[in-house]
């Protein structure tokens, strides 16, 4: 098995971690899209973004800290002994963990942008305890939708009830 094969396996394990994150987040399996708020676009990477970030994060982690981090991947150095690339169970599950964590970070950044937009909507209108209570219990995309409907100044482009 070559080094590149092992790297691909690690990348795939991280992608699975990103897939798991998509299952755990409120964004679910939406496709990547942008929504607009007052001229500002918010990227919602969807499950594809989670899978990509998870895979890339795992590959980077393995490349930095794996057993072949110091391996020469281009050319050879005279006097070195040849090593066969390998993958341990801990490296594989670690790649999945890094995939979940990287994709979770991405999801949190998107949710933060959605919550900022919702707070901006709510902050520009008269306060109501009804809306404030909903913001505490709803998911970020739903909070933004509530603010957009209640205060009427922002509406996600092409968004339907289920997409948010």
N, C-alpha and C. Protein backbone atom coordinates (compact mmCIF):
# COMPACT_ATOMS: atom_id res chain seq x y z
N UNK A 1 0.85 -1.18 0.00
CA UNK A 1 0.00 0.00 0.00
C UNK A 1 0.90 1.24 0.00
N UNK A 2 0.59 2.19 -0.87
CA UNK A 2 1.43 3.38 -0.96
C UNK A 2 0.98 4.44 0.05
N UNK A 3 1.84 5.40 0.24
CA UNK A 3 1.54 6.52 1.13
C UNK A 3 0.27 7.25 0.67
N UNK A 4 0.11 7.40 -0.63
CA UNK A 4 -1.06 8.12 -1.17
C UNK A 4 -2.35 7.36 -0.94
N UNK A 5 -2.28 6.04 -0.99
CA UNK A 5 -3.47 5.23 -0.68
C UNK A 5 -3.90 5.43 0.77
N UNK A 6 -2.94 5.42 1.66
CA UNK A 6 -3.24 5.62 3.09
C UNK A 6 -3.80 7.02 3.31
N UNK A 7 -3.21 8.01 2.66
CA UNK A 7 -3.71 9.38 2.80
C UNK A 7 -5.15 9.49 2.31
N UNK A 8 -5.46 8.80 1.22
CA UNK A 8 -6.83 8.81 0.71
C UNK A 8 -7.79 8.16 1.70
N UNK A 9 -7.38 7.06 2.33
CA UNK A 9 -8.22 6.39 3.33
C UNK A 9 -8.48 7.32 4.51
N UNK A 10 -7.45 8.03 4.97
CA UNK A 10 -7.61 8.98 6.07
C UNK A 10 -8.55 10.10 5.65
N UNK A 11 -8.41 10.62 4.44
CA UNK A 11 -9.29 11.67 3.93
C UNK A 11 -10.74 11.16 3.90
N UNK A 12 -10.94 9.95 3.47
CA UNK A 12 -12.29 9.37 3.44
C UNK A 12 -12.86 9.23 4.85
N UNK A 13 -12.04 8.83 5.81
CA UNK A 13 -12.51 8.72 7.19
C UNK A 13 -12.92 10.09 7.73
N UNK A 14 -12.16 11.12 7.41
CA UNK A 14 -12.54 12.47 7.81
C UNK A 14 -13.81 12.93 7.14
N UNK A 15 -14.00 12.54 5.88
CA UNK A 15 -15.23 12.89 5.17
C UNK A 15 -16.43 12.23 5.84
N UNK A 16 -16.25 11.00 6.32
CA UNK A 16 -17.32 10.33 7.06
C UNK A 16 -17.63 11.11 8.34
N UNK A 17 -16.60 11.62 8.99
CA UNK A 17 -16.81 12.46 10.17
C UNK A 17 -17.60 13.71 9.83
N UNK A 18 -17.31 14.33 8.69
CA UNK A 18 -18.08 15.49 8.24
C UNK A 18 -19.52 15.13 7.96
N UNK A 19 -19.75 13.95 7.40
CA UNK A 19 -21.10 13.45 7.15
C UNK A 19 -21.85 13.29 8.47
N UNK A 20 -21.18 12.73 9.48
CA UNK A 20 -21.79 12.57 10.80
C UNK A 20 -22.15 13.94 11.38
N UNK A 21 -21.28 14.92 11.19
CA UNK A 21 -21.59 16.27 11.68
C UNK A 21 -22.84 16.83 10.99
N UNK A 22 -22.98 16.58 9.70
CA UNK A 22 -24.17 17.04 8.98
C UNK A 22 -25.42 16.41 9.58
N UNK A 23 -25.33 15.16 10.00
CA UNK A 23 -26.46 14.50 10.66
C UNK A 23 -26.80 15.16 11.99
N UNK A 24 -25.77 15.61 12.72
CA UNK A 24 -25.96 16.18 14.06
C UNK A 24 -26.38 17.64 14.04
N UNK A 25 -26.17 18.35 12.95
CA UNK A 25 -26.47 19.79 12.93
C UNK A 25 -27.88 20.05 12.45
N UNK A 26 -28.35 21.27 12.70
CA UNK A 26 -29.69 21.62 12.25
C UNK A 26 -29.74 21.89 10.76
N UNK A 27 -28.59 22.01 10.13
CA UNK A 27 -28.58 22.26 8.69
C UNK A 27 -28.92 21.02 7.90
N UNK A 28 -28.71 19.84 8.47
CA UNK A 28 -29.07 18.60 7.83
C UNK A 28 -28.40 18.42 6.49
N UNK A 29 -29.15 17.99 5.51
CA UNK A 29 -28.59 17.67 4.21
C UNK A 29 -28.99 18.68 3.15
N UNK A 30 -28.87 19.95 3.49
CA UNK A 30 -29.11 20.98 2.49
C UNK A 30 -27.90 21.05 1.56
N UNK A 31 -28.14 21.50 0.34
CA UNK A 31 -27.04 21.71 -0.58
C UNK A 31 -26.43 23.08 -0.30
N UNK A 32 -25.16 23.28 -0.65
CA UNK A 32 -24.54 24.58 -0.41
C UNK A 32 -25.34 25.70 -1.08
N UNK A 33 -25.47 26.80 -0.38
CA UNK A 33 -26.17 27.96 -0.92
C UNK A 33 -25.77 29.19 -0.14
N UNK A 34 -26.08 30.33 -0.69
CA UNK A 34 -25.89 31.58 0.03
C UNK A 34 -27.26 32.19 0.26
N UNK A 35 -27.40 32.81 1.42
CA UNK A 35 -28.59 33.58 1.71
C UNK A 35 -28.13 35.01 1.91
N UNK A 36 -28.99 35.94 1.62
CA UNK A 36 -28.59 37.34 1.69
C UNK A 36 -29.37 38.06 2.77
N UNK A 37 -28.65 38.89 3.50
CA UNK A 37 -29.25 39.73 4.52
C UNK A 37 -28.71 41.14 4.35
N UNK A 38 -29.55 42.05 4.00
CA UNK A 38 -29.15 43.45 3.87
C UNK A 38 -27.91 43.66 3.03
N UNK A 39 -27.80 42.96 1.92
CA UNK A 39 -26.64 43.11 1.06
C UNK A 39 -25.45 42.26 1.46
N UNK A 40 -25.53 41.59 2.58
CA UNK A 40 -24.44 40.73 3.07
C UNK A 40 -24.81 39.28 2.83
N UNK A 41 -23.94 38.55 2.15
CA UNK A 41 -24.21 37.15 1.86
C UNK A 41 -23.64 36.26 2.95
N UNK A 42 -24.43 35.25 3.32
CA UNK A 42 -24.02 34.26 4.31
C UNK A 42 -23.95 32.92 3.59
N UNK A 43 -22.78 32.32 3.59
CA UNK A 43 -22.59 31.02 2.96
C UNK A 43 -23.08 29.93 3.89
N UNK A 44 -23.92 29.07 3.38
CA UNK A 44 -24.37 27.88 4.11
C UNK A 44 -23.84 26.68 3.34
N UNK A 45 -22.73 26.09 3.81
CA UNK A 45 -22.04 25.06 3.03
C UNK A 45 -22.78 23.73 2.91
N UNK A 46 -23.77 23.50 3.73
CA UNK A 46 -24.53 22.27 3.65
C UNK A 46 -23.69 21.03 3.93
N UNK A 47 -24.24 19.87 3.59
CA UNK A 47 -23.53 18.63 3.90
C UNK A 47 -22.28 18.46 3.05
N UNK A 48 -22.27 18.99 1.84
CA UNK A 48 -21.08 18.86 0.99
C UNK A 48 -19.90 19.61 1.62
N UNK A 49 -20.14 20.79 2.14
CA UNK A 49 -19.08 21.54 2.83
C UNK A 49 -18.58 20.82 4.05
N UNK A 50 -19.50 20.19 4.81
CA UNK A 50 -19.10 19.43 5.99
C UNK A 50 -18.21 18.25 5.61
N UNK A 51 -18.58 17.55 4.55
CA UNK A 51 -17.79 16.39 4.10
C UNK A 51 -16.41 16.84 3.63
N UNK A 52 -16.34 17.92 2.85
CA UNK A 52 -15.04 18.42 2.36
C UNK A 52 -14.14 18.87 3.50
N UNK A 53 -14.67 19.67 4.41
CA UNK A 53 -13.85 20.17 5.52
C UNK A 53 -13.41 19.02 6.42
N UNK A 54 -14.30 18.07 6.66
CA UNK A 54 -13.94 16.91 7.48
C UNK A 54 -12.80 16.11 6.86
N UNK A 55 -12.90 15.85 5.56
CA UNK A 55 -11.85 15.09 4.87
C UNK A 55 -10.52 15.81 4.83
N UNK A 56 -10.56 17.08 4.50
CA UNK A 56 -9.32 17.86 4.44
C UNK A 56 -8.69 18.00 5.82
N UNK A 57 -9.52 18.24 6.84
CA UNK A 57 -9.00 18.35 8.21
C UNK A 57 -8.30 17.08 8.66
N UNK A 58 -8.91 15.94 8.35
CA UNK A 58 -8.31 14.66 8.74
C UNK A 58 -7.01 14.42 7.99
N UNK A 59 -6.97 14.71 6.69
CA UNK A 59 -5.75 14.52 5.91
C UNK A 59 -4.62 15.41 6.42
N UNK A 60 -4.95 16.65 6.77
CA UNK A 60 -3.94 17.56 7.31
C UNK A 60 -3.42 17.04 8.65
N UNK A 61 -4.31 16.60 9.51
CA UNK A 61 -3.90 16.08 10.81
C UNK A 61 -2.97 14.88 10.65
N UNK A 62 -3.36 13.94 9.79
CA UNK A 62 -2.53 12.76 9.60
C UNK A 62 -1.20 13.13 8.97
N UNK A 63 -1.22 14.07 8.04
CA UNK A 63 0.02 14.50 7.41
C UNK A 63 0.97 15.19 8.38
N UNK A 64 0.40 15.90 9.35
CA UNK A 64 1.24 16.60 10.33
C UNK A 64 1.72 15.70 11.45
N UNK A 65 0.86 14.80 11.92
CA UNK A 65 1.16 14.04 13.14
C UNK A 65 1.21 12.53 12.94
N UNK A 66 0.94 12.04 11.74
CA UNK A 66 0.92 10.60 11.49
C UNK A 66 2.33 10.01 11.47
N UNK A 67 2.39 8.68 11.32
CA UNK A 67 3.69 8.00 11.39
C UNK A 67 4.63 8.38 10.24
N UNK A 68 4.12 8.95 9.19
CA UNK A 68 4.97 9.31 8.05
C UNK A 68 5.09 10.82 7.87
N UNK A 69 4.88 11.56 8.95
CA UNK A 69 4.96 13.02 8.89
C UNK A 69 6.32 13.47 8.38
N UNK A 70 7.36 12.77 8.72
CA UNK A 70 8.71 13.15 8.31
C UNK A 70 9.18 12.40 7.07
N UNK A 71 8.28 11.65 6.43
CA UNK A 71 8.67 10.89 5.25
C UNK A 71 8.92 11.80 4.06
N UNK A 72 9.88 11.41 3.26
CA UNK A 72 10.18 12.11 2.03
C UNK A 72 9.20 11.62 0.97
N UNK A 73 8.33 12.49 0.47
CA UNK A 73 7.32 12.03 -0.48
C UNK A 73 7.69 12.33 -1.93
N UNK A 74 8.68 13.13 -2.14
CA UNK A 74 9.17 13.39 -3.50
C UNK A 74 10.64 13.03 -3.57
N UNK A 75 10.96 12.06 -4.41
CA UNK A 75 12.36 11.66 -4.53
C UNK A 75 12.79 10.79 -3.38
N UNK A 76 14.04 10.41 -3.38
CA UNK A 76 14.58 9.58 -2.32
C UNK A 76 15.86 10.19 -1.80
N UNK A 77 16.15 9.83 -0.59
CA UNK A 77 17.40 10.26 0.02
C UNK A 77 18.27 9.02 0.18
N UNK A 78 19.50 9.11 -0.23
CA UNK A 78 20.37 7.93 -0.13
C UNK A 78 20.66 7.63 1.34
N UNK A 79 20.73 6.34 1.62
CA UNK A 79 21.04 5.91 2.97
C UNK A 79 19.81 5.67 3.83
N UNK A 80 18.60 6.04 3.36
CA UNK A 80 17.39 5.80 4.15
C UNK A 80 16.90 4.38 3.90
N UNK A 81 16.31 3.79 4.90
CA UNK A 81 15.69 2.48 4.71
C UNK A 81 14.25 2.70 4.27
N UNK A 82 13.79 1.81 3.41
CA UNK A 82 12.43 1.94 2.90
C UNK A 82 11.43 1.48 3.95
N UNK A 83 10.37 2.25 4.12
CA UNK A 83 9.30 1.89 5.05
C UNK A 83 8.02 1.71 4.25
N UNK A 84 7.22 0.77 4.65
CA UNK A 84 5.91 0.55 4.02
C UNK A 84 4.89 1.38 4.79
N UNK A 85 4.15 2.26 4.08
CA UNK A 85 3.13 3.05 4.77
C UNK A 85 2.10 2.15 5.43
N UNK A 86 1.64 2.55 6.60
CA UNK A 86 0.64 1.76 7.31
C UNK A 86 -0.38 2.69 7.95
N UNK A 87 -1.44 2.13 8.38
CA UNK A 87 -2.50 2.89 9.03
C UNK A 87 -2.94 2.11 10.25
N UNK A 88 -2.85 2.72 11.40
CA UNK A 88 -3.30 2.06 12.62
C UNK A 88 -4.77 2.40 12.88
N UNK A 89 -5.39 1.64 13.73
CA UNK A 89 -6.78 1.90 14.08
C UNK A 89 -6.92 3.27 14.72
N UNK A 90 -5.98 3.61 15.59
CA UNK A 90 -6.06 4.91 16.25
C UNK A 90 -5.92 6.06 15.24
N UNK A 91 -5.11 5.89 14.22
CA UNK A 91 -4.99 6.92 13.19
C UNK A 91 -6.30 7.06 12.42
N UNK A 92 -6.95 5.94 12.12
CA UNK A 92 -8.20 5.97 11.37
C UNK A 92 -9.31 6.64 12.17
N UNK A 93 -9.49 6.23 13.41
CA UNK A 93 -10.56 6.84 14.21
C UNK A 93 -10.22 8.28 14.58
N UNK A 94 -8.94 8.57 14.74
CA UNK A 94 -8.53 9.96 14.96
C UNK A 94 -8.87 10.83 13.77
N UNK A 95 -8.73 10.29 12.57
CA UNK A 95 -9.10 11.03 11.36
C UNK A 95 -10.59 11.33 11.34
N UNK A 96 -11.40 10.36 11.75
CA UNK A 96 -12.85 10.58 11.81
C UNK A 96 -13.18 11.66 12.84
N UNK A 97 -12.49 11.63 13.99
CA UNK A 97 -12.71 12.64 15.02
C UNK A 97 -12.36 14.03 14.52
N UNK A 98 -11.23 14.16 13.87
CA UNK A 98 -10.83 15.45 13.31
C UNK A 98 -11.83 15.90 12.26
N UNK A 99 -12.37 14.97 11.50
CA UNK A 99 -13.39 15.30 10.51
C UNK A 99 -14.64 15.87 11.14
N UNK A 100 -15.10 15.26 12.22
CA UNK A 100 -16.28 15.78 12.92
C UNK A 100 -15.98 17.16 13.50
N UNK A 101 -14.82 17.30 14.12
CA UNK A 101 -14.47 18.58 14.76
C UNK A 101 -14.32 19.69 13.72
N UNK A 102 -13.67 19.42 12.61
CA UNK A 102 -13.50 20.43 11.57
C UNK A 102 -14.83 20.84 10.96
N UNK A 103 -15.67 19.87 10.68
CA UNK A 103 -16.97 20.18 10.11
C UNK A 103 -17.85 20.90 11.13
N UNK A 104 -17.71 20.56 12.39
CA UNK A 104 -18.48 21.24 13.46
C UNK A 104 -18.07 22.71 13.53
N UNK A 105 -16.78 22.96 13.42
CA UNK A 105 -16.30 24.35 13.42
C UNK A 105 -16.96 25.12 12.28
N UNK A 106 -16.98 24.52 11.10
CA UNK A 106 -17.58 25.18 9.94
C UNK A 106 -19.06 25.47 10.19
N UNK A 107 -19.79 24.50 10.71
CA UNK A 107 -21.21 24.68 11.01
C UNK A 107 -21.42 25.78 12.04
N UNK A 108 -20.59 25.82 13.05
CA UNK A 108 -20.71 26.87 14.08
C UNK A 108 -20.47 28.25 13.51
N UNK A 109 -19.54 28.38 12.58
CA UNK A 109 -19.30 29.69 11.95
C UNK A 109 -20.53 30.16 11.16
N UNK A 110 -21.16 29.24 10.44
CA UNK A 110 -22.37 29.59 9.68
C UNK A 110 -23.50 29.96 10.65
N UNK A 111 -23.68 29.17 11.70
CA UNK A 111 -24.73 29.46 12.68
C UNK A 111 -24.50 30.82 13.34
N UNK A 112 -23.24 31.14 13.60
CA UNK A 112 -22.94 32.44 14.20
C UNK A 112 -23.37 33.58 13.28
N UNK A 113 -23.12 33.43 11.98
CA UNK A 113 -23.55 34.46 11.03
C UNK A 113 -25.06 34.58 10.97
N UNK A 114 -25.76 33.45 11.01
CA UNK A 114 -27.22 33.48 11.01
C UNK A 114 -27.76 34.15 12.27
N UNK A 115 -27.17 33.85 13.41
CA UNK A 115 -27.62 34.46 14.66
C UNK A 115 -27.33 35.97 14.69
N UNK A 116 -26.21 36.38 14.11
CA UNK A 116 -25.94 37.83 14.01
C UNK A 116 -27.01 38.52 13.17
N UNK A 117 -27.37 37.89 12.06
CA UNK A 117 -28.41 38.47 11.20
C UNK A 117 -29.74 38.53 11.94
N UNK A 118 -30.09 37.49 12.68
CA UNK A 118 -31.34 37.49 13.45
C UNK A 118 -31.31 38.55 14.53
N UNK A 119 -30.18 38.68 15.22
CA UNK A 119 -30.06 39.70 16.27
C UNK A 119 -30.15 41.10 15.68
N UNK A 120 -29.58 41.29 14.52
CA UNK A 120 -29.66 42.59 13.86
C UNK A 120 -31.11 42.92 13.52
N UNK A 121 -31.84 41.93 13.02
CA UNK A 121 -33.27 42.12 12.72
C UNK A 121 -34.02 42.50 13.99
N UNK A 122 -33.82 41.72 15.04
CA UNK A 122 -34.54 41.95 16.29
C UNK A 122 -34.14 43.27 16.93
N UNK A 123 -32.87 43.62 16.81
CA UNK A 123 -32.39 44.86 17.42
C UNK A 123 -32.89 46.11 16.74
N UNK A 124 -33.33 45.98 15.50
CA UNK A 124 -33.81 47.16 14.77
C UNK A 124 -35.28 47.42 14.98
N UNK A 125 -35.95 46.59 15.77
CA UNK A 125 -37.39 46.74 16.01
C UNK A 125 -37.67 46.85 17.49
N UNK A 126 -38.94 47.11 17.80
CA UNK A 126 -39.36 47.19 19.20
C UNK A 126 -39.23 45.82 19.85
N UNK A 127 -38.71 45.77 21.07
CA UNK A 127 -38.51 44.47 21.73
C UNK A 127 -39.84 43.80 22.10
N UNK A 128 -39.86 42.50 21.95
CA UNK A 128 -41.00 41.71 22.41
C UNK A 128 -40.47 40.47 23.10
N UNK A 129 -41.06 40.13 24.24
CA UNK A 129 -40.59 38.96 24.98
C UNK A 129 -40.94 37.67 24.25
N UNK A 130 -41.98 37.68 23.44
CA UNK A 130 -42.37 36.49 22.67
C UNK A 130 -41.25 36.07 21.72
N UNK A 131 -40.71 37.01 20.99
CA UNK A 131 -39.65 36.72 20.03
C UNK A 131 -38.36 36.34 20.77
N UNK A 132 -38.04 37.06 21.83
CA UNK A 132 -36.83 36.76 22.59
C UNK A 132 -36.86 35.34 23.12
N UNK A 133 -38.01 34.88 23.59
CA UNK A 133 -38.13 33.51 24.08
C UNK A 133 -37.92 32.48 22.99
N UNK A 134 -38.41 32.79 21.79
CA UNK A 134 -38.22 31.86 20.67
C UNK A 134 -36.75 31.77 20.28
N UNK A 135 -36.05 32.88 20.36
CA UNK A 135 -34.63 32.88 20.00
C UNK A 135 -33.83 31.96 20.91
N UNK A 136 -34.27 31.83 22.16
CA UNK A 136 -33.55 30.97 23.09
C UNK A 136 -33.70 29.49 22.78
N UNK A 137 -34.82 29.11 22.17
CA UNK A 137 -35.09 27.69 22.00
C UNK A 137 -34.94 27.19 20.57
N UNK A 138 -34.90 28.07 19.61
CA UNK A 138 -34.87 27.65 18.21
C UNK A 138 -33.44 27.50 17.69
N UNK A 139 -33.31 26.79 16.60
CA UNK A 139 -32.03 26.63 15.92
C UNK A 139 -31.71 27.94 15.18
N UNK A 140 -30.42 28.21 14.89
CA UNK A 140 -30.03 29.49 14.27
C UNK A 140 -30.79 29.84 13.00
N UNK A 141 -30.94 28.89 12.09
CA UNK A 141 -31.64 29.20 10.83
C UNK A 141 -33.10 29.53 11.10
N UNK A 142 -33.72 28.84 12.05
CA UNK A 142 -35.11 29.10 12.39
C UNK A 142 -35.24 30.46 13.08
N UNK A 143 -34.29 30.81 13.95
CA UNK A 143 -34.32 32.12 14.60
C UNK A 143 -34.23 33.23 13.58
N UNK A 144 -33.40 33.06 12.58
CA UNK A 144 -33.28 34.07 11.53
C UNK A 144 -34.59 34.19 10.76
N UNK A 145 -35.21 33.05 10.46
CA UNK A 145 -36.48 33.04 9.73
C UNK A 145 -37.56 33.76 10.55
N UNK A 146 -37.62 33.49 11.85
CA UNK A 146 -38.60 34.15 12.72
C UNK A 146 -38.39 35.65 12.71
N UNK A 147 -37.13 36.07 12.83
CA UNK A 147 -36.83 37.51 12.82
C UNK A 147 -37.20 38.14 11.49
N UNK A 148 -36.90 37.46 10.40
CA UNK A 148 -37.21 37.99 9.08
C UNK A 148 -38.71 38.13 8.88
N UNK A 149 -39.48 37.14 9.34
CA UNK A 149 -40.93 37.20 9.20
C UNK A 149 -41.54 38.24 10.14
N UNK A 150 -41.05 38.30 11.36
CA UNK A 150 -41.62 39.21 12.36
C UNK A 150 -41.31 40.67 12.05
N UNK A 151 -40.09 40.93 11.62
CA UNK A 151 -39.67 42.32 11.43
C UNK A 151 -39.61 42.71 9.96
N UNK A 152 -39.70 41.71 9.07
CA UNK A 152 -39.92 41.93 7.66
C UNK A 152 -38.85 42.56 6.80
N UNK A 153 -37.65 42.75 7.28
CA UNK A 153 -36.65 43.42 6.45
C UNK A 153 -35.73 42.47 5.73
N UNK A 154 -35.60 41.23 6.19
CA UNK A 154 -34.71 40.27 5.54
C UNK A 154 -35.48 39.00 5.24
N UNK A 155 -35.22 38.45 4.10
CA UNK A 155 -35.81 37.16 3.72
C UNK A 155 -34.77 36.41 2.91
N UNK A 156 -34.40 35.22 3.33
CA UNK A 156 -33.42 34.45 2.55
C UNK A 156 -33.90 34.25 1.13
N UNK A 157 -33.00 34.48 0.18
CA UNK A 157 -33.33 34.32 -1.24
C UNK A 157 -33.70 32.88 -1.53
N UNK A 158 -34.85 32.69 -2.15
CA UNK A 158 -35.26 31.36 -2.59
C UNK A 158 -35.45 30.37 -1.47
N UNK A 159 -35.55 30.82 -0.23
CA UNK A 159 -35.68 29.90 0.89
C UNK A 159 -37.15 29.53 1.08
N UNK A 160 -37.40 28.28 1.27
CA UNK A 160 -38.76 27.86 1.60
C UNK A 160 -38.79 27.45 3.07
N UNK A 161 -39.95 27.07 3.53
CA UNK A 161 -40.13 26.75 4.94
C UNK A 161 -39.20 25.63 5.41
N UNK A 162 -39.03 24.59 4.59
CA UNK A 162 -38.22 23.45 5.01
C UNK A 162 -36.73 23.68 4.87
N UNK A 163 -36.31 24.55 3.96
CA UNK A 163 -34.87 24.76 3.74
C UNK A 163 -34.22 25.43 4.93
N UNK A 164 -34.97 26.21 5.68
CA UNK A 164 -34.40 26.86 6.84
C UNK A 164 -34.62 25.99 8.04
